[in-house]
C-alpha atoms as a PDB file:
ATOM      1  CA  MET A   1      -6.703 117.323 105.493  1.00  0.00           C
ATOM      2  CA  PRO A   2      -5.311 117.797 102.002  1.00  0.00           C
ATOM      3  CA  VAL A   3      -7.890 120.431 101.001  1.00  0.00           C
ATOM      4  CA  ARG A   4      -6.661 123.806 102.206  1.00  0.00           C
ATOM      5  CA  VAL A   5      -8.548 127.074 102.402  1.00  0.00           C
ATOM      6  CA  THR A   6      -6.513 129.883 100.843  1.00  0.00           C
ATOM      7  CA  LEU A   7      -9.086 132.616 101.407  1.00  0.00           C
ATOM      8  CA  ASP A   8      -6.772 134.659 103.627  1.00  0.00           C
ATOM      9  CA  GLY A   9      -4.423 135.338 100.735  1.00  0.00           C
ATOM     10  CA  MET A  10      -7.305 136.594  98.620  1.00  0.00           C
ATOM     11  CA  ILE A  11      -8.558 138.835 101.431  1.00  0.00           C
ATOM     12  CA  VAL A  12      -5.103 140.385 101.788  1.00  0.00           C
ATOM     13  CA  ALA A  13      -4.654 140.733  98.020  1.00  0.00           C
ATOM     14  CA  ARG A  14      -7.952 142.614  97.785  1.00  0.00           C
ATOM     15  CA  GLY A  15      -7.135 144.858 100.762  1.00  0.00           C
ATOM     16  CA  LEU A  16     -10.260 143.761 102.638  1.00  0.00           C
ATOM     17  CA  LYS A  17     -10.988 142.992 106.245  1.00  0.00           C
ATOM     18  CA  ALA A  18     -12.536 139.630 107.053  1.00  0.00           C
ATOM     19  CA  ARG A  19     -15.389 141.307 108.932  1.00  0.00           C
ATOM     20  CA  ASP A  20     -16.266 143.394 105.872  1.00  0.00           C
ATOM     21  CA  LEU A  21     -16.238 140.314 103.649  1.00  0.00           C
ATOM     22  CA  ALA A  22     -18.450 138.424 106.114  1.00  0.00           C
ATOM     23  CA  ALA A  23     -20.969 141.263 106.161  1.00  0.00           C
ATOM     24  CA  GLU A  24     -21.025 141.563 102.391  1.00  0.00           C
ATOM     25  CA  ILE A  25     -21.650 137.857 101.788  1.00  0.00           C
ATOM     26  CA  GLY A  26     -24.097 137.483 104.662  1.00  0.00           C
ATOM     27  CA  LEU A  27     -22.082 135.295 107.032  1.00  0.00           C
ATOM     28  CA  SER A  28     -21.295 135.856 110.661  1.00  0.00           C
ATOM     29  CA  GLU A  29     -17.672 136.624 111.440  1.00  0.00           C
ATOM     30  CA  THR A  30     -17.555 133.347 113.376  1.00  0.00           C
ATOM     31  CA  GLN A  31     -18.737 131.321 110.368  1.00  0.00           C
ATOM     32  CA  LEU A  32     -16.211 132.990 108.096  1.00  0.00           C
ATOM     33  CA  SER A  33     -13.451 132.450 110.653  1.00  0.00           C
ATOM     34  CA  LEU A  34     -14.263 128.737 110.877  1.00  0.00           C
ATOM     35  CA  PHE A  35     -14.093 128.459 107.087  1.00  0.00           C
ATOM     36  CA  ARG A  36     -10.829 130.412 106.915  1.00  0.00           C
ATOM     37  CA  SER A  37      -9.240 128.101 109.494  1.00  0.00           C
ATOM     38  CA  GLY A  38     -10.385 124.956 107.686  1.00  0.00           C
ATOM     39  CA  LYS A  39     -12.471 123.812 110.648  1.00  0.00           C
ATOM     40  CA  VAL A  40     -15.637 123.256 108.627  1.00  0.00           C
ATOM     41  CA  LYS A  41     -16.421 120.041 106.779  1.00  0.00           C
ATOM     42  CA  GLY A  42     -18.153 121.763 103.893  1.00  0.00           C
ATOM     43  CA  ILE A  43     -19.457 124.949 102.375  1.00  0.00           C
ATOM     44  CA  ARG A  44     -22.598 125.610 100.373  1.00  0.00           C
ATOM     45  CA  PHE A  45     -22.011 126.388  96.732  1.00  0.00           C
ATOM     46  CA  SER A  46     -24.198 129.477  97.103  1.00  0.00           C
ATOM     47  CA  THR A  47     -21.900 130.794  99.853  1.00  0.00           C
ATOM     48  CA  LEU A  48     -18.823 130.005  97.775  1.00  0.00           C
ATOM     49  CA  ALA A  49     -20.415 131.771  94.801  1.00  0.00           C
ATOM     50  CA  ARG A  50     -21.080 134.898  96.906  1.00  0.00           C
ATOM     51  CA  MET A  51     -17.459 134.909  98.097  1.00  0.00           C
ATOM     52  CA  CYS A  52     -16.247 134.650  94.513  1.00  0.00           C
ATOM     53  CA  ALA A  53     -18.602 137.416  93.359  1.00  0.00           C
ATOM     54  CA  VAL A  54     -17.431 139.798  96.087  1.00  0.00           C
ATOM     55  CA  LEU A  55     -13.737 138.938  95.667  1.00  0.00           C
ATOM     56  CA  GLY A  56     -13.807 138.763  91.862  1.00  0.00           C
ATOM     57  CA  CYS A  57     -12.258 135.314  91.801  1.00  0.00           C
ATOM     58  CA  ARG A  58     -12.967 131.647  91.105  1.00  0.00           C
ATOM     59  CA  PRO A  59     -13.468 128.821  93.655  1.00  0.00           C
ATOM     60  CA  GLY A  60      -9.999 127.467  92.854  1.00  0.00           C
ATOM     61  CA  ASP A  61      -8.548 130.761  94.084  1.00  0.00           C
ATOM     62  CA  LEU A  62     -10.001 130.077  97.543  1.00  0.00           C
ATOM     63  CA  LEU A  63      -9.225 126.372  97.864  1.00  0.00           C
ATOM     64  CA  ASP A  64      -6.166 124.242  97.192  1.00  0.00           C
ATOM     65  CA  TYR A  65      -5.520 120.499  97.288  1.00  0.00           C
ATOM     66  CA  ASP A  66      -2.449 118.473  98.257  1.00  0.00           C
ATOM     67  CA  HIS A  67      -2.656 114.883  97.008  1.00  0.00           C
ATOM     68  CA  ASP A  68      -2.917 112.259  99.740  1.00  0.00           C
ATOM     69  CA  PRO A  69      -3.207 108.555  98.819  1.00  0.00           C
ATOM     70  CA  ALA A  70      -5.436 108.118 101.874  1.00  0.00           C
ATOM     71  CA  ASP A  71      -8.097 110.126 100.029  1.00  0.00           C
ATOM     72  CA  MET A  72      -8.723 107.051  97.898  1.00  0.00           C
ATOM     73  CA  ILE A  73      -9.638 104.890 100.896  1.00  0.00           C
ATOM     74  CA  ARG A  74     -13.352 104.762 101.632  1.00  0.00           C
ATOM     75  CA  ALA A  75     -14.795 104.651 105.122  1.00  0.00           C
ATOM     76  CA  ASP A  76     -15.102 100.853 104.931  1.00  0.00           C
ATOM     77  CA  ASP A  77     -11.347 100.665 104.112  1.00  0.00           C
ATOM     78  CA  GLU A  78     -12.020  99.636 100.529  1.00  0.00           C
ATOM     79  CA  VAL A  79      -9.774 101.264  97.936  1.00  0.00           C
ATOM     80  CA  VAL A  80     -11.758 103.067  95.229  1.00  0.00           C
END
């Protein structure tokens, strides 16, 4: 998947522990771990906003994208 979660770098840069971040934003440690590993298919904007508020960052600081031409192919194999 070309969208990568870069939250770990922000956690380290802020000197936090993942469990403390999870508690502060109201997520379970398991939910945060799944997001950190990229194993979720989505995240609510409200959750992303809470992460950014706690970490003092922007959404682009937590996510990155590597271009993949396959991203332009729809489920029915039609190029957009």
